[in-house]
ModelCIF file with pLDDT and N, C-alpha, C, O atoms, coordinates in Angstrom:
data_MODEL
#
_entry.id   MODEL 
#
_entity.id                         1 
_entity.type                       polymer 
_entity.pdbx_number_of_molecules   1 
#
_entity_poly.entity_id                      1 
_entity_poly.type                           'polypeptide(L)' 
_entity_poly.nstd_linkage                   no 
_entity_poly.nstd_monomer                   no 
_entity_poly.pdbx_seq_one_letter_code       
;(UNK)(UNK)(UNK)(UNK)(UNK)(UNK)(UNK)(UNK)(UNK)(UNK)(UNK)(UNK)(UNK)(UNK)(UNK)(UNK)
(UNK)(UNK)(UNK)(UNK)(UNK)(UNK)(UNK)(UNK)(UNK)(UNK)(UNK)(UNK)(UNK)(UNK)(UNK)(UNK)
(UNK)(UNK)
;
_entity_poly.pdbx_seq_one_letter_code_can   XXXXXXXXXXXXXXXXXXXXXXXXXXXXXXXXXX 
_entity_poly.pdbx_strand_id                 A 
#
loop_
_entity_poly_seq.entity_id 
_entity_poly_seq.num 
_entity_poly_seq.mon_id 
_entity_poly_seq.hetero 
1 1  UNK n 
1 2  UNK n 
1 3  UNK n 
1 4  UNK n 
1 5  UNK n 
1 6  UNK n 
1 7  UNK n 
1 8  UNK n 
1 9  UNK n 
1 10 UNK n 
1 11 UNK n 
1 12 UNK n 
1 13 UNK n 
1 14 UNK n 
1 15 UNK n 
1 16 UNK n 
1 17 UNK n 
1 18 UNK n 
1 19 UNK n 
1 20 UNK n 
1 21 UNK n 
1 22 UNK n 
1 23 UNK n 
1 24 UNK n 
1 25 UNK n 
1 26 UNK n 
1 27 UNK n 
1 28 UNK n 
1 29 UNK n 
1 30 UNK n 
1 31 UNK n 
1 32 UNK n 
1 33 UNK n 
1 34 UNK n 
#
_struct_asym.id          A 
_struct_asym.entity_id   1 
#
loop_
_ma_qa_metric.id 
_ma_qa_metric.mode 
_ma_qa_metric.name 
_ma_qa_metric.software_group_id 
_ma_qa_metric.type 
1 global pLDDT . pLDDT 
2 local  pLDDT . pLDDT 
#
_ma_qa_metric_global.metric_id      1 
_ma_qa_metric_global.metric_value   96.29 
_ma_qa_metric_global.model_id       1 
_ma_qa_metric_global.ordinal_id     1 
#
loop_
_ma_qa_metric_local.label_asym_id 
_ma_qa_metric_local.label_comp_id 
_ma_qa_metric_local.label_seq_id 
_ma_qa_metric_local.metric_id 
_ma_qa_metric_local.metric_value 
_ma_qa_metric_local.model_id 
_ma_qa_metric_local.ordinal_id 
A UNK 1  2 98.00 1 1  
A UNK 2  2 98.00 1 2  
A UNK 3  2 98.00 1 3  
A UNK 4  2 98.00 1 4  
A UNK 5  2 98.00 1 5  
A UNK 6  2 96.00 1 6  
A UNK 7  2 93.00 1 7  
A UNK 8  2 94.00 1 8  
A UNK 9  2 96.00 1 9  
A UNK 10 2 96.00 1 10 
A UNK 11 2 96.00 1 11 
A UNK 12 2 93.00 1 12 
A UNK 13 2 93.00 1 13 
A UNK 14 2 96.00 1 14 
A UNK 15 2 95.00 1 15 
A UNK 16 2 97.00 1 16 
A UNK 17 2 96.00 1 17 
A UNK 18 2 98.00 1 18 
A UNK 19 2 98.00 1 19 
A UNK 20 2 98.00 1 20 
A UNK 21 2 98.00 1 21 
A UNK 22 2 98.00 1 22 
A UNK 23 2 98.00 1 23 
A UNK 24 2 98.00 1 24 
A UNK 25 2 96.00 1 25 
A UNK 26 2 94.00 1 26 
A UNK 27 2 92.00 1 27 
A UNK 28 2 92.00 1 28 
A UNK 29 2 95.00 1 29 
A UNK 30 2 96.00 1 30 
A UNK 31 2 98.00 1 31 
A UNK 32 2 98.00 1 32 
A UNK 33 2 98.00 1 33 
A UNK 34 2 98.00 1 34 
#
loop_
_atom_site.group_PDB 
_atom_site.id 
_atom_site.type_symbol 
_atom_site.label_atom_id 
_atom_site.label_alt_id 
_atom_site.label_comp_id 
_atom_site.label_asym_id 
_atom_site.label_entity_id 
_atom_site.label_seq_id 
_atom_site.pdbx_PDB_ins_code 
_atom_site.Cartn_x 
_atom_site.Cartn_y 
_atom_site.Cartn_z 
_atom_site.occupancy 
_atom_site.B_iso_or_equiv 
_atom_site.pdbx_formal_charge 
_atom_site.auth_seq_id 
_atom_site.auth_comp_id 
_atom_site.auth_asym_id 
_atom_site.auth_atom_id 
_atom_site.pdbx_PDB_model_num 
ATOM 1   N N  . UNK A 1 1  ? 3.581   10.874  6.447   1.00 98.00 ? 1  UNK A N  1 
ATOM 2   C CA . UNK A 1 1  ? 3.344   10.866  7.892   1.00 98.00 ? 1  UNK A CA 1 
ATOM 3   C C  . UNK A 1 1  ? 4.498   10.205  8.633   1.00 98.00 ? 1  UNK A C  1 
ATOM 4   O O  . UNK A 1 1  ? 4.888   10.670  9.704   1.00 98.00 ? 1  UNK A O  1 
ATOM 5   N N  . UNK A 1 2  ? 5.051   9.130   8.083   1.00 98.00 ? 2  UNK A N  1 
ATOM 6   C CA . UNK A 1 2  ? 6.215   8.493   8.696   1.00 98.00 ? 2  UNK A CA 1 
ATOM 7   C C  . UNK A 1 2  ? 7.390   9.471   8.719   1.00 98.00 ? 2  UNK A C  1 
ATOM 8   O O  . UNK A 1 2  ? 8.059   9.618   9.742   1.00 98.00 ? 2  UNK A O  1 
ATOM 9   N N  . UNK A 1 3  ? 7.636   10.133  7.596   1.00 98.00 ? 3  UNK A N  1 
ATOM 10  C CA . UNK A 1 3  ? 8.759   11.078  7.511   1.00 98.00 ? 3  UNK A CA 1 
ATOM 11  C C  . UNK A 1 3  ? 8.618   12.209  8.522   1.00 98.00 ? 3  UNK A C  1 
ATOM 12  O O  . UNK A 1 3  ? 9.610   12.683  9.076   1.00 98.00 ? 3  UNK A O  1 
ATOM 13  N N  . UNK A 1 4  ? 7.379   12.640  8.759   1.00 98.00 ? 4  UNK A N  1 
ATOM 14  C CA . UNK A 1 4  ? 7.116   13.746  9.689   1.00 98.00 ? 4  UNK A CA 1 
ATOM 15  C C  . UNK A 1 4  ? 7.240   13.318  11.143  1.00 98.00 ? 4  UNK A C  1 
ATOM 16  O O  . UNK A 1 4  ? 7.479   14.154  12.015  1.00 98.00 ? 4  UNK A O  1 
ATOM 17  N N  . UNK A 1 5  ? 7.081   12.031  11.416  1.00 98.00 ? 5  UNK A N  1 
ATOM 18  C CA . UNK A 1 5  ? 6.915   11.558  12.793  1.00 98.00 ? 5  UNK A CA 1 
ATOM 19  C C  . UNK A 1 5  ? 8.197   11.150  13.488  1.00 98.00 ? 5  UNK A C  1 
ATOM 20  O O  . UNK A 1 5  ? 8.192   10.949  14.703  1.00 98.00 ? 5  UNK A O  1 
ATOM 21  N N  . UNK A 1 6  ? 9.313   11.019  12.748  1.00 96.00 ? 6  UNK A N  1 
ATOM 22  C CA . UNK A 1 6  ? 10.557  10.540  13.350  1.00 96.00 ? 6  UNK A CA 1 
ATOM 23  C C  . UNK A 1 6  ? 11.712  11.446  12.929  1.00 96.00 ? 6  UNK A C  1 
ATOM 24  O O  . UNK A 1 6  ? 11.713  11.968  11.814  1.00 96.00 ? 6  UNK A O  1 
ATOM 25  N N  . UNK A 1 7  ? 12.702  11.637  13.817  1.00 93.00 ? 7  UNK A N  1 
ATOM 26  C CA . UNK A 1 7  ? 13.831  12.516  13.475  1.00 93.00 ? 7  UNK A CA 1 
ATOM 27  C C  . UNK A 1 7  ? 14.704  11.949  12.358  1.00 93.00 ? 7  UNK A C  1 
ATOM 28  O O  . UNK A 1 7  ? 15.311  12.700  11.594  1.00 93.00 ? 7  UNK A O  1 
ATOM 29  N N  . UNK A 1 8  ? 14.765  10.622  12.268  1.00 94.00 ? 8  UNK A N  1 
ATOM 30  C CA . UNK A 1 8  ? 15.450  9.973   11.158  1.00 94.00 ? 8  UNK A CA 1 
ATOM 31  C C  . UNK A 1 8  ? 14.762  8.645   10.923  1.00 94.00 ? 8  UNK A C  1 
ATOM 32  O O  . UNK A 1 8  ? 14.530  7.890   11.867  1.00 94.00 ? 8  UNK A O  1 
ATOM 33  N N  . UNK A 1 9  ? 14.432  8.350   9.665   1.00 96.00 ? 9  UNK A N  1 
ATOM 34  C CA . UNK A 1 9  ? 13.787  7.083   9.353   1.00 96.00 ? 9  UNK A CA 1 
ATOM 35  C C  . UNK A 1 9  ? 14.061  6.740   7.902   1.00 96.00 ? 9  UNK A C  1 
ATOM 36  O O  . UNK A 1 9  ? 14.057  7.615   7.036   1.00 96.00 ? 9  UNK A O  1 
ATOM 37  N N  . UNK A 1 10 ? 14.300  5.468   7.639   1.00 96.00 ? 10 UNK A N  1 
ATOM 38  C CA . UNK A 1 10 ? 14.441  4.991   6.268   1.00 96.00 ? 10 UNK A CA 1 
ATOM 39  C C  . UNK A 1 10 ? 13.050  4.719   5.699   1.00 96.00 ? 10 UNK A C  1 
ATOM 40  O O  . UNK A 1 10 ? 12.272  3.954   6.270   1.00 96.00 ? 10 UNK A O  1 
ATOM 41  N N  . UNK A 1 11 ? 12.757  5.343   4.591   1.00 96.00 ? 11 UNK A N  1 
ATOM 42  C CA . UNK A 1 11 ? 11.421  5.247   3.992   1.00 96.00 ? 11 UNK A CA 1 
ATOM 43  C C  . UNK A 1 11 ? 11.444  4.155   2.932   1.00 96.00 ? 11 UNK A C  1 
ATOM 44  O O  . UNK A 1 11 ? 11.914  4.357   1.813   1.00 96.00 ? 11 UNK A O  1 
ATOM 45  N N  . UNK A 1 12 ? 10.922  2.989   3.316   1.00 93.00 ? 12 UNK A N  1 
ATOM 46  C CA . UNK A 1 12 ? 10.981  1.849   2.415   1.00 93.00 ? 12 UNK A CA 1 
ATOM 47  C C  . UNK A 1 12 ? 9.822   0.893   2.691   1.00 93.00 ? 12 UNK A C  1 
ATOM 48  O O  . UNK A 1 12 ? 9.383   0.733   3.830   1.00 93.00 ? 12 UNK A O  1 
ATOM 49  N N  . UNK A 1 13 ? 9.339   0.263   1.621   1.00 93.00 ? 13 UNK A N  1 
ATOM 50  C CA . UNK A 1 13 ? 8.383   -0.852  1.702   1.00 93.00 ? 13 UNK A CA 1 
ATOM 51  C C  . UNK A 1 13 ? 7.085   -0.508  2.416   1.00 93.00 ? 13 UNK A C  1 
ATOM 52  O O  . UNK A 1 13 ? 6.478   -1.380  3.038   1.00 93.00 ? 13 UNK A O  1 
ATOM 53  N N  . UNK A 1 14 ? 6.654   0.728   2.340   1.00 96.00 ? 14 UNK A N  1 
ATOM 54  C CA . UNK A 1 14 ? 5.300   1.107   2.757   1.00 96.00 ? 14 UNK A CA 1 
ATOM 55  C C  . UNK A 1 14 ? 4.434   1.113   1.502   1.00 96.00 ? 14 UNK A C  1 
ATOM 56  O O  . UNK A 1 14 ? 4.802   1.709   0.490   1.00 96.00 ? 14 UNK A O  1 
ATOM 57  N N  . UNK A 1 15 ? 3.296   0.456   1.571   1.00 95.00 ? 15 UNK A N  1 
ATOM 58  C CA . UNK A 1 15 ? 2.477   0.395   0.365   1.00 95.00 ? 15 UNK A CA 1 
ATOM 59  C C  . UNK A 1 15 ? 1.002   0.184   0.696   1.00 95.00 ? 15 UNK A C  1 
ATOM 60  O O  . UNK A 1 15 ? 0.630   -0.076  1.840   1.00 95.00 ? 15 UNK A O  1 
ATOM 61  N N  . UNK A 1 16 ? 0.173   0.303   -0.348  1.00 97.00 ? 16 UNK A N  1 
ATOM 62  C CA . UNK A 1 16 ? -1.271  0.127   -0.235  1.00 97.00 ? 16 UNK A CA 1 
ATOM 63  C C  . UNK A 1 16 ? -1.736  -0.896  -1.261  1.00 97.00 ? 16 UNK A C  1 
ATOM 64  O O  . UNK A 1 16 ? -1.397  -0.801  -2.441  1.00 97.00 ? 16 UNK A O  1 
ATOM 65  N N  . UNK A 1 17 ? -2.509  -1.868  -0.808  1.00 96.00 ? 17 UNK A N  1 
ATOM 66  C CA . UNK A 1 17 ? -3.282  -2.701  -1.722  1.00 96.00 ? 17 UNK A CA 1 
ATOM 67  C C  . UNK A 1 17 ? -4.693  -2.130  -1.754  1.00 96.00 ? 17 UNK A C  1 
ATOM 68  O O  . UNK A 1 17 ? -5.333  -1.981  -0.713  1.00 96.00 ? 17 UNK A O  1 
ATOM 69  N N  . UNK A 1 18 ? -5.161  -1.821  -2.919  1.00 98.00 ? 18 UNK A N  1 
ATOM 70  C CA . UNK A 1 18 ? -6.546  -1.373  -3.071  1.00 98.00 ? 18 UNK A CA 1 
ATOM 71  C C  . UNK A 1 18 ? -7.149  -2.127  -4.252  1.00 98.00 ? 18 UNK A C  1 
ATOM 72  O O  . UNK A 1 18 ? -6.676  -2.022  -5.383  1.00 98.00 ? 18 UNK A O  1 
ATOM 73  N N  . UNK A 1 19 ? -8.202  -2.887  -3.966  1.00 98.00 ? 19 UNK A N  1 
ATOM 74  C CA . UNK A 1 19 ? -8.829  -3.702  -5.004  1.00 98.00 ? 19 UNK A CA 1 
ATOM 75  C C  . UNK A 1 19 ? -10.293 -3.301  -5.161  1.00 98.00 ? 19 UNK A C  1 
ATOM 76  O O  . UNK A 1 19 ? -10.931 -2.816  -4.227  1.00 98.00 ? 19 UNK A O  1 
ATOM 77  N N  . UNK A 1 20 ? -10.801 -3.520  -6.370  1.00 98.00 ? 20 UNK A N  1 
ATOM 78  C CA . UNK A 1 20 ? -12.210 -3.220  -6.648  1.00 98.00 ? 20 UNK A CA 1 
ATOM 79  C C  . UNK A 1 20 ? -12.835 -4.372  -7.429  1.00 98.00 ? 20 UNK A C  1 
ATOM 80  O O  . UNK A 1 20 ? -12.156 -5.074  -8.178  1.00 98.00 ? 20 UNK A O  1 
ATOM 81  N N  . UNK A 1 21 ? -14.146 -4.553  -7.239  1.00 98.00 ? 21 UNK A N  1 
ATOM 82  C CA . UNK A 1 21 ? -14.871 -5.562  -7.988  1.00 98.00 ? 21 UNK A CA 1 
ATOM 83  C C  . UNK A 1 21 ? -14.298 -6.951  -7.795  1.00 98.00 ? 21 UNK A C  1 
ATOM 84  O O  . UNK A 1 21 ? -14.009 -7.362  -6.672  1.00 98.00 ? 21 UNK A O  1 
ATOM 85  N N  . UNK A 1 22 ? -14.135 -7.673  -8.893  1.00 98.00 ? 22 UNK A N  1 
ATOM 86  C CA . UNK A 1 22 ? -13.634 -9.048  -8.816  1.00 98.00 ? 22 UNK A CA 1 
ATOM 87  C C  . UNK A 1 22 ? -12.233 -9.121  -8.224  1.00 98.00 ? 22 UNK A C  1 
ATOM 88  O O  . UNK A 1 22 ? -11.845 -10.155 -7.682  1.00 98.00 ? 22 UNK A O  1 
ATOM 89  N N  . UNK A 1 23 ? -11.473 -8.041  -8.321  1.00 98.00 ? 23 UNK A N  1 
ATOM 90  C CA . UNK A 1 23 ? -10.113 -8.046  -7.776  1.00 98.00 ? 23 UNK A CA 1 
ATOM 91  C C  . UNK A 1 23 ? -10.079 -8.179  -6.266  1.00 98.00 ? 23 UNK A C  1 
ATOM 92  O O  . UNK A 1 23 ? -9.023  -8.454  -5.697  1.00 98.00 ? 23 UNK A O  1 
ATOM 93  N N  . UNK A 1 24 ? -11.228 -7.988  -5.593  1.00 98.00 ? 24 UNK A N  1 
ATOM 94  C CA . UNK A 1 24 ? -11.257 -8.125  -4.131  1.00 98.00 ? 24 UNK A CA 1 
ATOM 95  C C  . UNK A 1 24 ? -11.256 -9.581  -3.685  1.00 98.00 ? 24 UNK A C  1 
ATOM 96  O O  . UNK A 1 24 ? -11.210 -9.848  -2.484  1.00 98.00 ? 24 UNK A O  1 
ATOM 97  N N  . UNK A 1 25 ? -11.307 -10.543 -4.627  1.00 96.00 ? 25 UNK A N  1 
ATOM 98  C CA . UNK A 1 25 ? -11.434 -11.928 -4.182  1.00 96.00 ? 25 UNK A CA 1 
ATOM 99  C C  . UNK A 1 25 ? -10.198 -12.435 -3.451  1.00 96.00 ? 25 UNK A C  1 
ATOM 100 O O  . UNK A 1 25 ? -10.288 -13.388 -2.677  1.00 96.00 ? 25 UNK A O  1 
ATOM 101 N N  . UNK A 1 26 ? -9.044  -11.810 -3.685  1.00 94.00 ? 26 UNK A N  1 
ATOM 102 C CA . UNK A 1 26 ? -7.832  -12.188 -2.972  1.00 94.00 ? 26 UNK A CA 1 
ATOM 103 C C  . UNK A 1 26 ? -7.285  -11.021 -2.176  1.00 94.00 ? 26 UNK A C  1 
ATOM 104 O O  . UNK A 1 26 ? -7.132  -9.919  -2.703  1.00 94.00 ? 26 UNK A O  1 
ATOM 105 N N  . UNK A 1 27 ? -6.988  -11.258 -0.907  1.00 92.00 ? 27 UNK A N  1 
ATOM 106 C CA . UNK A 1 27 ? -6.539  -10.171 -0.032  1.00 92.00 ? 27 UNK A CA 1 
ATOM 107 C C  . UNK A 1 27 ? -5.232  -9.556  -0.499  1.00 92.00 ? 27 UNK A C  1 
ATOM 108 O O  . UNK A 1 27 ? -4.982  -8.374  -0.261  1.00 92.00 ? 27 UNK A O  1 
ATOM 109 N N  . UNK A 1 28 ? -4.391  -10.350 -1.165  1.00 92.00 ? 28 UNK A N  1 
ATOM 110 C CA . UNK A 1 28 ? -3.072  -9.870  -1.576  1.00 92.00 ? 28 UNK A CA 1 
ATOM 111 C C  . UNK A 1 28 ? -2.982  -9.683  -3.080  1.00 92.00 ? 28 UNK A C  1 
ATOM 112 O O  . UNK A 1 28 ? -1.886  -9.682  -3.641  1.00 92.00 ? 28 UNK A O  1 
ATOM 113 N N  . UNK A 1 29 ? -4.119  -9.525  -3.738  1.00 95.00 ? 29 UNK A N  1 
ATOM 114 C CA . UNK A 1 29 ? -4.087  -9.264  -5.175  1.00 95.00 ? 29 UNK A CA 1 
ATOM 115 C C  . UNK A 1 29 ? -3.438  -7.912  -5.450  1.00 95.00 ? 29 UNK A C  1 
ATOM 116 O O  . UNK A 1 29 ? -3.709  -6.946  -4.736  1.00 95.00 ? 29 UNK A O  1 
ATOM 117 N N  . UNK A 1 30 ? -2.591  -7.824  -6.464  1.00 96.00 ? 30 UNK A N  1 
ATOM 118 C CA . UNK A 1 30 ? -1.901  -6.558  -6.728  1.00 96.00 ? 30 UNK A CA 1 
ATOM 119 C C  . UNK A 1 30 ? -2.842  -5.468  -7.225  1.00 96.00 ? 30 UNK A C  1 
ATOM 120 O O  . UNK A 1 30 ? -3.914  -5.742  -7.764  1.00 96.00 ? 30 UNK A O  1 
ATOM 121 N N  . UNK A 1 31 ? -2.416  -4.243  -7.030  1.00 98.00 ? 31 UNK A N  1 
ATOM 122 C CA . UNK A 1 31 ? -3.151  -3.093  -7.548  1.00 98.00 ? 31 UNK A CA 1 
ATOM 123 C C  . UNK A 1 31 ? -3.110  -3.131  -9.079  1.00 98.00 ? 31 UNK A C  1 
ATOM 124 O O  . UNK A 1 31 ? -2.086  -3.471  -9.672  1.00 98.00 ? 31 UNK A O  1 
ATOM 125 N N  . UNK A 1 32 ? -4.225  -2.782  -9.703  1.00 98.00 ? 32 UNK A N  1 
ATOM 126 C CA . UNK A 1 32 ? -4.293  -2.723  -11.164 1.00 98.00 ? 32 UNK A CA 1 
ATOM 127 C C  . UNK A 1 32 ? -4.777  -1.339  -11.593 1.00 98.00 ? 32 UNK A C  1 
ATOM 128 O O  . UNK A 1 32 ? -4.969  -0.444  -10.769 1.00 98.00 ? 32 UNK A O  1 
ATOM 129 N N  . UNK A 1 33 ? -4.968  -1.189  -12.903 1.00 98.00 ? 33 UNK A N  1 
ATOM 130 C CA . UNK A 1 33 ? -5.535  0.059   -13.418 1.00 98.00 ? 33 UNK A CA 1 
ATOM 131 C C  . UNK A 1 33 ? -7.033  -0.064  -13.684 1.00 98.00 ? 33 UNK A C  1 
ATOM 132 O O  . UNK A 1 33 ? -7.609  0.748   -14.409 1.00 98.00 ? 33 UNK A O  1 
ATOM 133 N N  . UNK A 1 34 ? -7.664  -1.085  -13.094 1.00 98.00 ? 34 UNK A N  1 
ATOM 134 C CA . UNK A 1 34 ? -9.121  -1.206  -13.232 1.00 98.00 ? 34 UNK A CA 1 
ATOM 135 C C  . UNK A 1 34 ? -9.793  0.054   -12.691 1.00 98.00 ? 34 UNK A C  1 
ATOM 136 O O  . UNK A 1 34 ? -11.020 0.157   -12.712 1.00 98.00 ? 34 UNK A O  1 
#
């Protein structure tokens, strides 16, 4: 969506944190393969 929305843009450091179960206890806990 970023690439589509601007005539030129550097695509960097966009990411998603998604946690499940006990991993939700910290807002910045890294994504795992749980």
